[in-house]
Amino acid sequence: MNFRDFLLLFGVCLVWGLNIVLTRWVVADMQVPPLFFAAVRFAGVALFLIPFLRPVPDKLFTLLLISIMIGSLNFALLFLGLQSAEASAVAVTGQLGVPISTLMSMAFLGETIGWRRGLGIMLSFAGVVLIAFDPSSFQISVGLMFVVGSAFIGSFGGILMKKMPPLTGLQVQAWVGLFSFAPLFAVSFLWERGQVEAYIHGGWPVWLASLFAIAGVSIFGHGAFYTLIKKYDVSMLSPLTLMTPIWGVVFGVALLNEPVSPRLLMGAVIALAGVFMIAVRQNTRLPEAALGRKAGAGDS
């Protein structure tokens, strides 16, 4: 990879990591209801990317199901998780998309794995369990369980994506945004309260965070990442995307004053080591499995 493309990937991972922290700040500190915030994001993506809705792709119903998986349900669970779990822990736990996608490709696509990827899968889950489970109180983080659920659903959406004809990254983003914002708004107005008031009261910092998620993450981040996927093998890119959870931890500590416990550090090292072991081994059936949710909707 040339230095210019590495800097581009570095910027993409920085944007993704920062966005996890900004989303945590919006839904937790500013108390904007998470489903409403997710709906606003997808509505903005759909509006910005209207030109990419043409031509209308084949298998539109399948694309609708994919959008529900990698869009509405995925982000609803992720944002609900960020409401109660620390951004640094979510940044690491979200990497479970990589081993889960690998397991999905084994179950549905007939992929076979060797002992190295098998060990990587076990390490990934063990690291996340260490982060999520507090042995002193025998409690498990509900927020992180939402994030694990998000990873499962997003990975299943990635499997469904194999049934679609080739689409560009911005085409996928445009249709996911279009199909996702209305269900999220509907569920938000059924289950959440005071969402419009909270969003308006948040003022320009919350609105700027929304714009960053729309333009910085969904348009720049994913657009640039799909450009890199076309130039380089997934096996080269996927280990480098582990910069994303590192930035998530760094920004969580720097901007939100989140504590860095020995349990978090140890769990992160174990989990990310497992993800790395999976990422560097080629998946013949679903190469995108080494990228987790990034194969579908990308990071938060």
Protein backbone atom coordinates (compact mmCIF):
# COMPACT_ATOMS: atom_id res chain seq x y z
CA MET A 1 0.00 0.00 0.00
CA ASN A 2 1.41 3.39 -0.94
CA PHE A 3 1.77 6.10 1.72
CA ARG A 4 -1.08 8.23 0.36
CA ASP A 5 -3.57 5.35 0.56
CA PHE A 6 -2.32 4.47 4.04
CA LEU A 7 -2.99 8.04 5.15
CA LEU A 8 -6.48 7.77 3.64
CA LEU A 9 -7.17 4.55 5.57
CA PHE A 10 -5.69 6.14 8.69
CA GLY A 11 -8.14 9.03 8.29
CA VAL A 12 -11.07 6.68 7.73
CA CYS A 13 -10.29 4.71 10.90
CA LEU A 14 -9.85 7.95 12.86
CA VAL A 15 -13.25 9.18 11.67
CA TRP A 16 -14.91 5.87 12.56
CA GLY A 17 -13.30 5.78 16.01
CA LEU A 18 -14.20 9.40 16.77
CA ASN A 19 -17.79 8.83 15.67
CA ILE A 20 -18.27 6.07 18.25
CA VAL A 21 -17.31 8.56 20.95
CA LEU A 22 -19.46 11.37 19.52
CA THR A 23 -22.47 9.06 19.32
CA ARG A 24 -21.93 8.00 22.93
CA TRP A 25 -21.81 11.68 23.93
CA VAL A 26 -25.03 12.51 22.04
CA VAL A 27 -27.16 9.62 23.33
CA ALA A 28 -25.73 9.47 26.88
CA ASP A 29 -24.51 12.90 27.93
CA MET A 30 -26.87 15.02 25.79
CA GLN A 31 -29.69 12.47 26.32
CA VAL A 32 -30.90 12.45 22.73
CA PRO A 33 -32.95 9.22 22.39
CA PRO A 34 -30.80 6.70 20.48
CA LEU A 35 -33.42 5.46 18.02
CA PHE A 36 -34.30 9.02 17.05
CA PHE A 37 -30.63 9.93 16.58
CA ALA A 38 -30.12 6.86 14.37
CA ALA A 39 -33.20 7.84 12.33
CA VAL A 40 -31.88 11.39 11.84
CA ARG A 41 -28.58 10.00 10.63
CA PHE A 42 -30.16 7.69 8.05
CA ALA A 43 -32.54 10.40 6.85
CA GLY A 44 -29.55 12.67 6.29
CA VAL A 45 -27.66 9.94 4.42
CA ALA A 46 -30.66 9.28 2.17
CA LEU A 47 -31.03 13.01 1.47
CA PHE A 48 -27.33 13.58 0.71
CA LEU A 49 -27.10 10.50 -1.53
CA ILE A 50 -30.31 10.84 -3.57
CA PRO A 51 -28.34 10.77 -6.89
CA PHE A 52 -26.98 7.32 -5.99
CA LEU A 53 -30.47 5.79 -5.85
CA ARG A 54 -30.28 5.49 -9.64
CA PRO A 55 -30.27 3.13 -11.35
CA VAL A 56 -32.66 1.12 -9.20
CA PRO A 57 -30.87 -2.16 -8.42
CA ASP A 58 -32.26 -5.62 -9.06
CA LYS A 59 -33.58 -7.69 -6.13
CA LEU A 60 -34.97 -4.64 -4.37
CA PHE A 61 -36.78 -6.73 -1.74
CA THR A 62 -33.53 -8.45 -0.82
CA LEU A 63 -31.92 -5.02 -0.53
CA LEU A 64 -34.77 -3.99 1.78
CA LEU A 65 -34.04 -6.96 4.06
CA ILE A 66 -30.33 -6.16 3.98
CA SER A 67 -31.07 -2.53 4.88
CA ILE A 68 -33.12 -3.60 7.87
CA MET A 69 -30.27 -5.86 9.00
CA ILE A 70 -27.27 -3.57 8.48
CA GLY A 71 -29.26 -0.37 8.92
CA SER A 72 -32.29 -0.11 11.21
CA LEU A 73 -31.74 -3.09 13.54
CA ASN A 74 -27.95 -2.92 13.54
CA PHE A 75 -27.76 0.77 14.43
CA ALA A 76 -30.73 0.67 16.79
CA LEU A 77 -28.97 -1.94 18.92
CA LEU A 78 -25.59 -0.23 18.59
CA PHE A 79 -26.92 3.17 19.68
CA LEU A 80 -28.92 1.59 22.52
CA GLY A 81 -25.68 -0.03 23.63
CA LEU A 82 -23.82 3.29 23.50
CA GLN A 83 -26.47 4.82 25.73
CA SER A 84 -25.27 2.77 28.70
CA ALA A 85 -21.85 1.31 27.79
CA GLU A 86 -18.62 3.27 27.56
CA ALA A 87 -17.43 4.15 24.07
CA SER A 88 -14.02 2.53 24.57
CA ALA A 89 -15.61 -0.82 25.49
CA VAL A 90 -18.07 -0.55 22.58
CA ALA A 91 -15.22 0.19 20.16
CA VAL A 92 -13.56 -3.11 21.06
CA THR A 93 -16.76 -5.16 21.38
CA GLY A 94 -17.92 -4.00 17.96
CA GLN A 95 -14.98 -5.87 16.45
CA LEU A 96 -16.90 -9.10 17.14
CA GLY A 97 -18.36 -8.49 13.70
CA VAL A 98 -15.19 -10.11 12.31
CA PRO A 99 -15.42 -13.51 14.07
CA ILE A 100 -19.21 -13.54 13.80
CA SER A 101 -19.03 -12.93 10.04
CA THR A 102 -16.55 -15.78 9.79
CA LEU A 103 -18.93 -18.09 11.71
CA MET A 104 -21.80 -16.99 9.45
CA SER A 105 -19.77 -17.79 6.34
CA MET A 106 -19.09 -21.27 7.80
CA ALA A 107 -22.77 -21.87 8.56
CA PHE A 108 -24.31 -20.48 5.37
CA LEU A 109 -21.57 -20.46 2.72
CA GLY A 110 -19.62 -23.62 3.56
CA GLU A 111 -16.40 -21.84 4.53
CA THR A 112 -13.86 -24.01 6.36
CA ILE A 113 -11.36 -22.67 8.86
CA GLY A 114 -8.04 -23.87 10.26
CA TRP A 115 -6.83 -23.87 13.82
CA ARG A 116 -5.47 -20.31 13.62
CA ARG A 117 -8.81 -18.71 12.74
CA GLY A 118 -10.54 -21.04 15.18
CA LEU A 119 -8.23 -19.84 17.93
CA GLY A 120 -8.78 -16.25 16.80
CA ILE A 121 -12.56 -16.66 17.13
CA MET A 122 -12.21 -18.04 20.66
CA LEU A 123 -9.82 -15.26 21.69
CA SER A 124 -12.14 -12.57 20.27
CA PHE A 125 -15.11 -13.78 22.29
CA ALA A 126 -13.00 -14.39 25.40
CA GLY A 127 -11.67 -10.83 25.31
CA VAL A 128 -15.15 -9.35 24.98
CA VAL A 129 -16.47 -11.53 27.82
CA LEU A 130 -13.62 -10.23 29.98
CA ILE A 131 -14.62 -6.64 29.17
CA ALA A 132 -18.37 -7.14 29.56
CA PHE A 133 -18.44 -9.28 32.72
CA ASP A 134 -17.68 -7.72 36.10
CA PRO A 135 -16.57 -10.58 38.40
CA SER A 136 -16.77 -8.40 41.51
CA SER A 137 -20.55 -7.96 41.15
CA PHE A 138 -21.32 -10.95 38.90
CA GLN A 139 -23.02 -8.58 36.46
CA ILE A 140 -22.72 -8.36 32.71
CA SER A 141 -22.99 -5.11 30.77
CA VAL A 142 -26.43 -4.91 29.15
CA GLY A 143 -25.18 -2.16 26.86
CA LEU A 144 -22.42 -4.38 25.49
CA MET A 145 -24.93 -7.18 24.95
CA PHE A 146 -26.82 -4.79 22.67
CA VAL A 147 -23.55 -4.23 20.79
CA VAL A 148 -23.00 -7.99 20.44
CA GLY A 149 -26.55 -8.32 19.08
CA SER A 150 -25.78 -5.51 16.64
CA ALA A 151 -22.70 -7.40 15.43
CA PHE A 152 -24.72 -10.59 14.86
CA ILE A 153 -27.44 -8.82 12.88
CA GLY A 154 -24.98 -6.77 10.85
CA SER A 155 -23.02 -9.91 9.99
CA PHE A 156 -26.15 -11.69 8.84
CA GLY A 157 -26.90 -8.72 6.61
CA GLY A 158 -23.43 -9.15 5.13
CA ILE A 159 -24.28 -12.75 4.25
CA LEU A 160 -27.47 -11.60 2.52
CA MET A 161 -25.40 -9.08 0.57
CA LYS A 162 -23.83 -12.01 -1.29
CA LYS A 163 -27.20 -12.48 -3.02
CA MET A 164 -27.10 -8.96 -4.47
CA PRO A 165 -25.54 -7.92 -7.78
CA PRO A 166 -22.47 -5.69 -7.36
CA LEU A 167 -23.23 -2.22 -5.96
CA THR A 168 -20.94 0.69 -5.18
CA GLY A 169 -20.39 1.69 -1.57
CA LEU A 170 -22.39 4.92 -1.95
CA GLN A 171 -25.25 3.06 -3.65
CA VAL A 172 -25.46 0.74 -0.65
CA GLN A 173 -25.35 3.69 1.74
CA ALA A 174 -28.08 5.53 -0.19
CA TRP A 175 -30.52 2.59 -0.22
CA VAL A 176 -29.79 1.60 3.38
CA GLY A 177 -30.50 5.19 4.41
CA LEU A 178 -33.72 5.31 2.41
CA PHE A 179 -35.07 2.03 3.80
CA SER A 180 -33.90 2.63 7.38
CA PHE A 181 -34.97 6.09 8.51
CA ALA A 182 -38.77 5.62 8.39
CA PRO A 183 -38.89 2.43 10.56
CA LEU A 184 -36.54 4.05 13.08
CA PHE A 185 -38.63 7.22 13.27
CA ALA A 186 -41.79 5.12 13.71
CA VAL A 187 -40.35 3.00 16.53
CA SER A 188 -38.83 6.09 18.14
CA PHE A 189 -42.15 7.91 18.31
CA LEU A 190 -43.79 4.77 19.74
CA TRP A 191 -41.18 4.01 22.42
CA GLU A 192 -39.19 7.19 23.07
CA ARG A 193 -40.33 10.50 24.52
CA GLY A 194 -39.16 14.09 24.10
CA GLN A 195 -36.87 13.21 21.23
CA VAL A 196 -37.47 16.32 19.13
CA GLU A 197 -37.10 18.62 22.14
CA ALA A 198 -33.89 16.87 23.21
CA TYR A 199 -32.42 17.13 19.71
CA ILE A 200 -33.29 20.83 19.38
CA HIS A 201 -32.11 21.58 22.92
CA GLY A 202 -28.76 19.95 22.12
CA GLY A 203 -28.09 22.85 19.77
CA TRP A 204 -25.29 23.17 17.29
CA PRO A 205 -22.91 20.63 18.92
CA VAL A 206 -25.49 17.83 18.47
CA TRP A 207 -26.37 19.02 14.98
CA LEU A 208 -22.67 19.12 14.09
CA ALA A 209 -22.27 15.57 15.43
CA SER A 210 -25.13 14.54 13.13
CA LEU A 211 -23.48 16.19 10.14
CA PHE A 212 -20.20 14.50 11.01
CA ALA A 213 -21.91 11.09 11.11
CA ILE A 214 -23.63 11.72 7.78
CA ALA A 215 -20.91 13.42 5.75
CA GLY A 216 -17.76 12.36 7.58
CA VAL A 217 -18.60 8.72 8.30
CA SER A 218 -21.23 7.53 5.82
CA ILE A 219 -20.08 9.53 2.80
CA PHE A 220 -16.34 10.18 3.24
CA GLY A 221 -15.49 7.20 5.46
CA HIS A 222 -17.35 4.51 3.62
CA GLY A 223 -16.82 6.03 0.19
CA ALA A 224 -13.05 6.14 0.74
CA PHE A 225 -13.00 2.66 2.24
CA TYR A 226 -14.81 1.12 -0.74
CA THR A 227 -12.31 2.83 -3.02
CA LEU A 228 -9.49 1.15 -1.10
CA ILE A 229 -11.24 -2.23 -1.23
CA LYS A 230 -11.21 -2.02 -5.01
CA LYS A 231 -7.44 -1.41 -5.01
CA TYR A 232 -6.21 -3.78 -2.29
CA ASP A 233 -6.92 -7.25 -0.97
CA VAL A 234 -9.15 -7.46 2.07
CA SER A 235 -6.42 -9.46 3.82
CA MET A 236 -4.18 -6.38 3.62
CA LEU A 237 -6.80 -3.84 4.70
CA SER A 238 -8.52 -5.73 7.51
CA PRO A 239 -5.61 -5.83 10.00
CA LEU A 240 -5.06 -2.09 9.46
CA THR A 241 -8.69 -1.31 10.30
CA LEU A 242 -7.90 -2.37 13.87
CA MET A 243 -6.84 1.27 14.20
CA THR A 244 -10.57 2.01 14.58
CA PRO A 245 -11.08 0.49 18.07
CA ILE A 246 -7.73 1.95 19.16
CA TRP A 247 -8.95 5.42 18.19
CA GLY A 248 -12.25 4.66 19.93
CA VAL A 249 -10.42 3.94 23.18
CA VAL A 250 -8.13 6.97 22.79
CA PHE A 251 -10.97 9.39 22.10
CA GLY A 252 -13.13 7.84 24.81
CA VAL A 253 -10.42 8.53 27.37
CA ALA A 254 -9.43 11.95 26.00
CA LEU A 255 -12.87 13.43 25.29
CA LEU A 256 -15.20 11.63 27.69
CA ASN A 257 -12.74 10.98 30.53
CA GLU A 258 -13.55 7.28 30.46
CA PRO A 259 -11.46 5.17 32.84
CA VAL A 260 -8.99 2.66 31.46
CA SER A 261 -9.17 -0.35 33.75
CA PRO A 262 -6.75 -3.29 33.65
CA ARG A 263 -9.73 -5.50 32.73
CA LEU A 264 -10.51 -3.31 29.70
CA LEU A 265 -6.89 -3.26 28.56
CA MET A 266 -6.44 -7.02 28.96
CA GLY A 267 -9.77 -7.77 27.27
CA ALA A 268 -8.95 -5.40 24.41
CA VAL A 269 -5.54 -6.99 23.82
CA ILE A 270 -7.02 -10.51 23.82
CA ALA A 271 -10.01 -9.62 21.62
CA LEU A 272 -8.04 -7.60 19.08
CA ALA A 273 -5.34 -10.28 18.91
CA GLY A 274 -8.07 -12.77 18.01
CA VAL A 275 -9.53 -10.41 15.40
CA PHE A 276 -6.06 -9.94 13.92
CA MET A 277 -5.56 -13.71 13.63
CA ILE A 278 -8.83 -14.01 11.72
CA ALA A 279 -8.20 -10.97 9.55
CA VAL A 280 -4.84 -12.12 8.18
CA ARG A 281 -6.19 -15.51 7.08
CA GLN A 282 -8.03 -15.52 3.74
CA ASN A 283 -11.76 -16.36 3.78
CA THR A 284 -12.43 -18.00 0.42
CA ARG A 285 -16.24 -17.77 0.57
CA LEU A 286 -16.71 -14.33 2.10
CA PRO A 287 -13.50 -12.23 2.03
CA GLU A 288 -15.41 -9.31 3.57
CA ALA A 289 -15.84 -11.36 6.77
CA ALA A 290 -12.43 -10.09 7.84
CA LEU A 291 -13.93 -6.59 7.90
CA GLY A 292 -16.96 -7.41 10.05
CA ARG A 293 -19.77 -4.85 9.73
CA LYS A 294 -17.62 -2.75 7.43
CA ALA A 295 -18.57 -5.14 4.67
CA GLY A 296 -22.10 -3.89 4.99
CA ALA A 297 -22.91 -0.64 6.70
CA GLY A 298 -19.58 0.11 8.22
CA ASP A 299 -18.89 1.39 11.70
CA SER A 300 -21.15 3.59 13.67
